[in-house]
Amino acid sequence: MPDDIRFSDFTTAEKARVAALTARMAKRGLAGDSVDISDLQRRIERIENTARRRKQQNT
């Protein structure tokens, strides 16, 4: 499927941002199940969409 992106499709800065956001999500997850992490998930999805658009333009 051409829409699939791999971690290698991200730039170095995007990889760092995704890793930092994932760490923040994990930290919030430790606080309990009632903590909202949807804002961080949306930020990661935006980064993924940017990488996906860049990959489609290059192919």
C-alpha atoms as a PDB file:
ATOM      1  CA  MET A   1       0.000   0.000   0.000  1.00  0.00           C
ATOM      2  CA  PRO A   2       1.560   3.344  -0.995  1.00  0.00           C
ATOM      3  CA  ASP A   3       0.111   5.188   2.024  1.00  0.00           C
ATOM      4  CA  ASP A   4       2.186   3.166   4.448  1.00  0.00           C
ATOM      5  CA  ILE A   5       4.951   5.103   6.086  1.00  0.00           C
ATOM      6  CA  ARG A   6       7.916   3.694   7.921  1.00  0.00           C
ATOM      7  CA  PHE A   7      10.022   5.254  10.614  1.00  0.00           C
ATOM      8  CA  SER A   8      12.744   5.711   7.999  1.00  0.00           C
ATOM      9  CA  ASP A   9      10.388   8.028   6.058  1.00  0.00           C
ATOM     10  CA  PHE A  10      10.571  10.610   8.851  1.00  0.00           C
ATOM     11  CA  THR A  11      13.234  13.293   9.017  1.00  0.00           C
ATOM     12  CA  THR A  12      15.586  13.310  11.990  1.00  0.00           C
ATOM     13  CA  ALA A  13      13.674  16.197  13.571  1.00  0.00           C
ATOM     14  CA  GLU A  14      10.341  14.409  13.090  1.00  0.00           C
ATOM     15  CA  LYS A  15      11.747  11.262  14.685  1.00  0.00           C
ATOM     16  CA  ALA A  16      12.868  13.265  17.695  1.00  0.00           C
ATOM     17  CA  ARG A  17       9.492  15.006  18.007  1.00  0.00           C
ATOM     18  CA  VAL A  18       7.593  11.690  17.774  1.00  0.00           C
ATOM     19  CA  ALA A  19       9.877  10.135  20.388  1.00  0.00           C
ATOM     20  CA  ALA A  20       9.402  13.090  22.748  1.00  0.00           C
ATOM     21  CA  LEU A  21       5.635  13.097  22.290  1.00  0.00           C
ATOM     22  CA  THR A  22       5.499   9.336  22.846  1.00  0.00           C
ATOM     23  CA  ALA A  23       7.444   9.774  26.083  1.00  0.00           C
ATOM     24  CA  ARG A  24       5.009  12.475  27.196  1.00  0.00           C
ATOM     25  CA  MET A  25       2.090  10.164  26.373  1.00  0.00           C
ATOM     26  CA  ALA A  26       3.680   7.406  28.460  1.00  0.00           C
ATOM     27  CA  LYS A  27       4.231   9.788  31.354  1.00  0.00           C
ATOM     28  CA  ARG A  28       0.603  10.893  31.237  1.00  0.00           C
ATOM     29  CA  GLY A  29      -0.451   7.263  30.998  1.00  0.00           C
ATOM     30  CA  LEU A  30       1.234   6.585  34.320  1.00  0.00           C
ATOM     31  CA  ALA A  31      -1.099   9.120  35.920  1.00  0.00           C
ATOM     32  CA  GLY A  32      -4.071   6.873  35.215  1.00  0.00           C
ATOM     33  CA  ASP A  33      -6.623   5.853  32.636  1.00  0.00           C
ATOM     34  CA  SER A  34      -8.717   8.988  33.042  1.00  0.00           C
ATOM     35  CA  VAL A  35      -5.966  11.301  31.733  1.00  0.00           C
ATOM     36  CA  ASP A  36      -6.588  12.678  28.247  1.00  0.00           C
ATOM     37  CA  ILE A  37      -3.752  12.121  25.753  1.00  0.00           C
ATOM     38  CA  SER A  38      -5.706  12.936  22.582  1.00  0.00           C
ATOM     39  CA  ASP A  39      -3.894  16.258  22.089  1.00  0.00           C
ATOM     40  CA  LEU A  40      -0.547  14.475  21.881  1.00  0.00           C
ATOM     41  CA  GLN A  41      -2.005  11.826  19.574  1.00  0.00           C
ATOM     42  CA  ARG A  42      -3.229  14.548  17.199  1.00  0.00           C
ATOM     43  CA  ARG A  43       0.228  16.143  17.151  1.00  0.00           C
ATOM     44  CA  ILE A  44       1.798  12.800  16.210  1.00  0.00           C
ATOM     45  CA  GLU A  45      -0.845  12.266  13.517  1.00  0.00           C
ATOM     46  CA  ARG A  46       0.020  15.664  12.013  1.00  0.00           C
ATOM     47  CA  ILE A  47       3.684  14.700  11.868  1.00  0.00           C
ATOM     48  CA  GLU A  48       2.739  11.391  10.223  1.00  0.00           C
ATOM     49  CA  ASN A  49       0.563  13.181   7.666  1.00  0.00           C
ATOM     50  CA  THR A  50       3.428  15.513   6.781  1.00  0.00           C
ATOM     51  CA  ALA A  51       5.762  12.548   6.245  1.00  0.00           C
ATOM     52  CA  ARG A  52       3.106  10.749   4.199  1.00  0.00           C
ATOM     53  CA  ARG A  53       2.566  13.781   1.925  1.00  0.00           C
ATOM     54  CA  ARG A  54       6.316  14.172   1.442  1.00  0.00           C
ATOM     55  CA  LYS A  55       6.661  10.493   0.542  1.00  0.00           C
ATOM     56  CA  GLN A  56       3.826  10.706  -1.994  1.00  0.00           C
ATOM     57  CA  GLN A  57       5.390  13.770  -3.651  1.00  0.00           C
ATOM     58  CA  ASN A  58       8.750  12.026  -3.973  1.00  0.00           C
ATOM     59  CA  THR A  59       7.307   8.913  -5.613  1.00  0.00           C
END
